[in-house]
Amino acid sequence: MPEFTLRKTLVFIEEIQHENGPTPDQPRLRAAIVALVKNPFAGKYQDDLQSAMDDLKPLGLMMTDKLIGVMGGLDGIDGYGKAALAGEAGELEHTALWHVPGGYAMRERLGEAKAIVPSAMKVGGPGTRIDVPLGHINAAYVRSHFDAMEVGVPDGPRADELLFALAMSKGPRIHNRMGGLAVEDVEGVDGLR
């Protein structure tokens, strides 16, 4: 069983009050949590990585619970996304370990989330930043929720670490006006519409 020793977590929160135009009735809330963990596969090739995803499920649930708390509870959360970053001794495939633990943790806690959890992955050293893509939790075609939240840590990921990130949002982009499927028209059946 690989060890993904947790070094630290960081939380980022944005309350967007204004974005040109008229002042919105309600601010938009975006928040992200990142965790820096030891990469047990750094510096070597490991054929079987997939089985290690189960070992990360408790981390995904813990991060999801903290993020929901920072967001003020479940009410109104309608966007989500995930990202992962491998340090220089890791490989891009190590970031794919986050697909199931990160995505399914949010879906489990958010209940009826149907849409695929948008994802971004890359390799980089300490201070590397990554955009966590955001999309609507029930319908991938809701353009008003296409967004990203940039995260990064000055001292990570170290060469032998992985950075895992989750992000959530409440509400559409301020003054969204690019059409597409409207939130009130979401059927929430297939994750697309």
Protein backbone atom coordinates (compact mmCIF):
# COMPACT_ATOMS: atom_id res chain seq x y z
CA MET A 1 0.00 0.00 0.00
CA PRO A 2 1.63 3.29 -1.09
CA GLU A 3 2.00 6.10 1.44
CA PHE A 4 0.68 9.52 0.43
CA THR A 5 1.91 11.36 3.51
CA LEU A 6 0.13 14.70 3.82
CA ARG A 7 2.48 17.67 4.32
CA LYS A 8 -0.11 20.44 4.39
CA THR A 9 -3.36 21.83 3.03
CA LEU A 10 -4.18 25.38 1.96
CA VAL A 11 -7.55 27.01 1.32
CA PHE A 12 -8.27 29.85 -1.12
CA ILE A 13 -11.54 31.79 -1.20
CA GLU A 14 -12.78 34.52 -3.51
CA GLU A 15 -15.93 36.57 -3.11
CA ILE A 16 -16.41 38.45 -6.37
CA GLN A 17 -18.36 41.60 -5.65
CA HIS A 18 -18.10 43.42 -8.96
CA GLU A 19 -17.02 42.86 -12.57
CA ASN A 20 -17.74 46.07 -14.51
CA GLY A 21 -21.35 46.81 -15.42
CA PRO A 22 -24.04 47.12 -12.75
CA THR A 23 -23.44 45.78 -9.26
CA PRO A 24 -24.80 42.22 -9.08
CA ASP A 25 -27.56 41.32 -6.65
CA GLN A 26 -25.36 38.66 -5.10
CA PRO A 27 -21.59 38.15 -5.15
CA ARG A 28 -20.08 35.04 -6.70
CA LEU A 29 -18.20 32.71 -4.38
CA ARG A 30 -15.30 30.51 -5.50
CA ALA A 31 -13.11 28.47 -3.21
CA ALA A 32 -10.37 25.89 -3.60
CA ILE A 33 -8.40 23.58 -1.34
CA VAL A 34 -5.02 22.09 -2.17
CA ALA A 35 -3.09 19.32 -0.47
CA LEU A 36 0.61 18.55 -0.81
CA VAL A 37 1.37 14.86 -0.38
CA LYS A 38 4.40 12.62 -0.78
CA ASN A 39 4.49 10.96 -4.19
CA PRO A 40 5.38 7.29 -3.54
CA PHE A 41 6.02 6.79 -7.27
CA ALA A 42 8.44 9.70 -7.76
CA GLY A 43 11.70 8.89 -9.54
CA LYS A 44 10.71 5.41 -10.73
CA TYR A 45 8.37 3.74 -13.17
CA GLN A 46 5.46 1.82 -11.63
CA ASP A 47 3.29 -0.21 -13.98
CA ASP A 48 0.22 -0.46 -11.73
CA LEU A 49 -0.92 2.93 -10.50
CA GLN A 50 -4.68 2.49 -10.67
CA SER A 51 -4.99 0.50 -7.44
CA ALA A 52 -3.48 3.43 -5.50
CA MET A 53 -6.55 5.58 -6.20
CA ASP A 54 -8.39 3.86 -3.35
CA ASP A 55 -5.67 4.98 -0.93
CA LEU A 56 -6.46 8.61 -1.79
CA LYS A 57 -10.23 8.41 -1.24
CA PRO A 58 -10.06 9.50 2.44
CA LEU A 59 -8.02 12.55 1.40
CA GLY A 60 -10.61 13.43 -1.26
CA LEU A 61 -13.44 13.21 1.27
CA MET A 62 -11.55 15.24 3.90
CA MET A 63 -10.74 17.97 1.38
CA THR A 64 -14.32 18.02 0.08
CA ASP A 65 -15.72 18.36 3.60
CA LYS A 66 -13.36 21.25 4.40
CA LEU A 67 -14.21 22.97 1.14
CA ILE A 68 -17.96 22.67 1.73
CA GLY A 69 -17.39 24.19 5.19
CA VAL A 70 -15.47 27.12 3.71
CA MET A 71 -18.29 27.63 1.20
CA GLY A 72 -20.76 27.99 4.08
CA GLY A 73 -22.45 24.64 3.52
CA LEU A 74 -23.96 22.75 0.62
CA ASP A 75 -26.69 25.26 -0.18
CA GLY A 76 -26.02 27.02 -3.47
CA ILE A 77 -22.91 25.09 -4.57
CA ASP A 78 -23.46 24.63 -8.29
CA GLY A 79 -19.97 24.44 -9.78
CA TYR A 80 -16.95 22.19 -9.27
CA GLY A 81 -13.60 21.11 -10.65
CA LYS A 82 -10.32 19.40 -9.79
CA ALA A 83 -6.64 19.56 -10.69
CA ALA A 84 -3.36 17.86 -9.87
CA LEU A 85 0.27 18.78 -10.24
CA ALA A 86 3.25 16.42 -10.01
CA GLY A 87 6.66 17.59 -8.85
CA GLU A 88 9.64 17.17 -11.20
CA ALA A 89 10.44 13.60 -10.15
CA GLY A 90 6.86 12.57 -10.90
CA GLU A 91 5.09 12.02 -14.17
CA LEU A 92 1.84 13.27 -15.63
CA GLU A 93 0.22 9.88 -15.11
CA HIS A 94 0.71 10.26 -11.34
CA THR A 95 -1.66 13.23 -11.43
CA ALA A 96 -4.36 10.97 -12.90
CA LEU A 97 -4.49 9.24 -9.50
CA TRP A 98 -6.74 12.17 -8.49
CA HIS A 99 -9.55 11.43 -10.99
CA VAL A 100 -11.55 9.06 -8.81
CA PRO A 101 -10.70 10.28 -5.27
CA GLY A 102 -11.21 13.96 -6.10
CA GLY A 103 -14.15 13.72 -8.46
CA TYR A 104 -16.18 11.11 -6.69
CA ALA A 105 -15.65 12.66 -3.25
CA MET A 106 -17.29 15.87 -4.45
CA ARG A 107 -20.08 14.00 -6.23
CA GLU A 108 -20.76 11.91 -3.12
CA ARG A 109 -20.97 14.91 -0.81
CA LEU A 110 -22.90 17.15 -3.23
CA GLY A 111 -25.57 14.51 -3.79
CA GLU A 112 -27.21 14.72 -7.19
CA ALA A 113 -24.19 16.01 -9.14
CA LYS A 114 -24.45 14.52 -12.64
CA ALA A 115 -21.84 16.30 -14.78
CA ILE A 116 -18.28 15.12 -15.21
CA VAL A 117 -15.90 16.98 -12.90
CA PRO A 118 -13.67 19.19 -15.10
CA SER A 119 -9.99 18.43 -14.63
CA ALA A 120 -6.50 19.78 -15.32
CA MET A 121 -3.14 18.09 -14.77
CA LYS A 122 0.52 19.01 -15.27
CA VAL A 123 4.09 18.60 -13.99
CA GLY A 124 6.04 21.47 -12.41
CA GLY A 125 8.24 22.55 -9.54
CA PRO A 126 7.67 24.63 -6.41
CA GLY A 127 5.58 27.71 -7.07
CA THR A 128 4.01 26.32 -10.25
CA ARG A 129 0.43 27.50 -10.59
CA ILE A 130 -2.45 25.57 -12.10
CA ASP A 131 -5.94 26.58 -13.20
CA VAL A 132 -8.65 24.42 -11.68
CA PRO A 133 -11.41 24.34 -14.32
CA LEU A 134 -14.97 24.87 -13.10
CA GLY A 135 -18.23 23.68 -14.62
CA HIS A 136 -21.85 23.27 -13.55
CA ILE A 137 -22.41 20.23 -11.32
CA ASN A 138 -25.39 18.88 -13.26
CA ALA A 139 -24.98 19.96 -16.88
CA ALA A 140 -21.72 20.39 -18.79
CA TYR A 141 -23.41 22.67 -21.37
CA VAL A 142 -24.16 25.48 -18.90
CA ARG A 143 -21.81 28.15 -20.29
CA SER A 144 -22.46 30.61 -17.46
CA HIS A 145 -20.44 28.36 -15.15
CA PHE A 146 -17.37 27.84 -17.39
CA ASP A 147 -14.55 29.30 -15.31
CA ALA A 148 -11.25 28.48 -13.63
CA MET A 149 -9.62 29.28 -10.33
CA GLU A 150 -5.83 29.57 -10.22
CA VAL A 151 -4.02 27.97 -7.28
CA GLY A 152 -0.42 27.45 -6.33
CA VAL A 153 1.89 26.99 -3.36
CA PRO A 154 5.24 28.80 -3.02
CA ASP A 155 7.03 25.76 -1.57
CA GLY A 156 5.37 22.99 -3.50
CA PRO A 157 5.12 20.63 -5.08
CA ARG A 158 8.61 19.50 -4.20
CA ALA A 159 10.21 17.04 -6.64
CA ASP A 160 8.80 14.05 -4.75
CA GLU A 161 5.34 15.50 -4.08
CA LEU A 162 1.91 15.71 -5.64
CA LEU A 163 -0.40 18.70 -5.32
CA PHE A 164 -4.08 17.79 -5.40
CA ALA A 165 -6.74 20.50 -5.75
CA LEU A 166 -10.52 20.74 -5.55
CA ALA A 167 -12.61 23.84 -6.28
CA MET A 168 -16.28 24.76 -5.97
CA SER A 169 -18.39 27.77 -6.83
CA LYS A 170 -21.76 29.30 -6.02
CA GLY A 171 -23.45 31.06 -8.89
CA PRO A 172 -22.57 31.91 -12.48
CA ARG A 173 -19.86 34.28 -13.69
CA ILE A 174 -20.78 37.87 -12.85
CA HIS A 175 -22.70 39.37 -15.81
CA ASN A 176 -22.51 36.16 -17.85
CA ARG A 177 -24.06 36.80 -21.25
CA MET A 178 -22.71 34.21 -23.68
CA GLY A 179 -25.91 32.20 -24.06
CA GLY A 180 -25.98 28.42 -24.01
CA LEU A 181 -28.04 26.24 -21.71
CA ALA A 182 -29.58 28.32 -18.91
CA VAL A 183 -29.47 27.01 -15.35
CA GLU A 184 -33.27 27.05 -15.14
CA ASP A 185 -33.41 24.73 -18.19
CA VAL A 186 -31.09 22.04 -16.79
CA GLU A 187 -32.66 18.59 -16.83
CA GLY A 188 -29.80 17.00 -14.87
CA VAL A 189 -30.29 13.56 -16.40
CA ASP A 190 -27.21 12.78 -18.50
CA GLY A 191 -24.68 15.27 -17.09
CA LEU A 192 -24.73 17.25 -20.33
CA ARG A 193 -28.07 19.10 -20.37
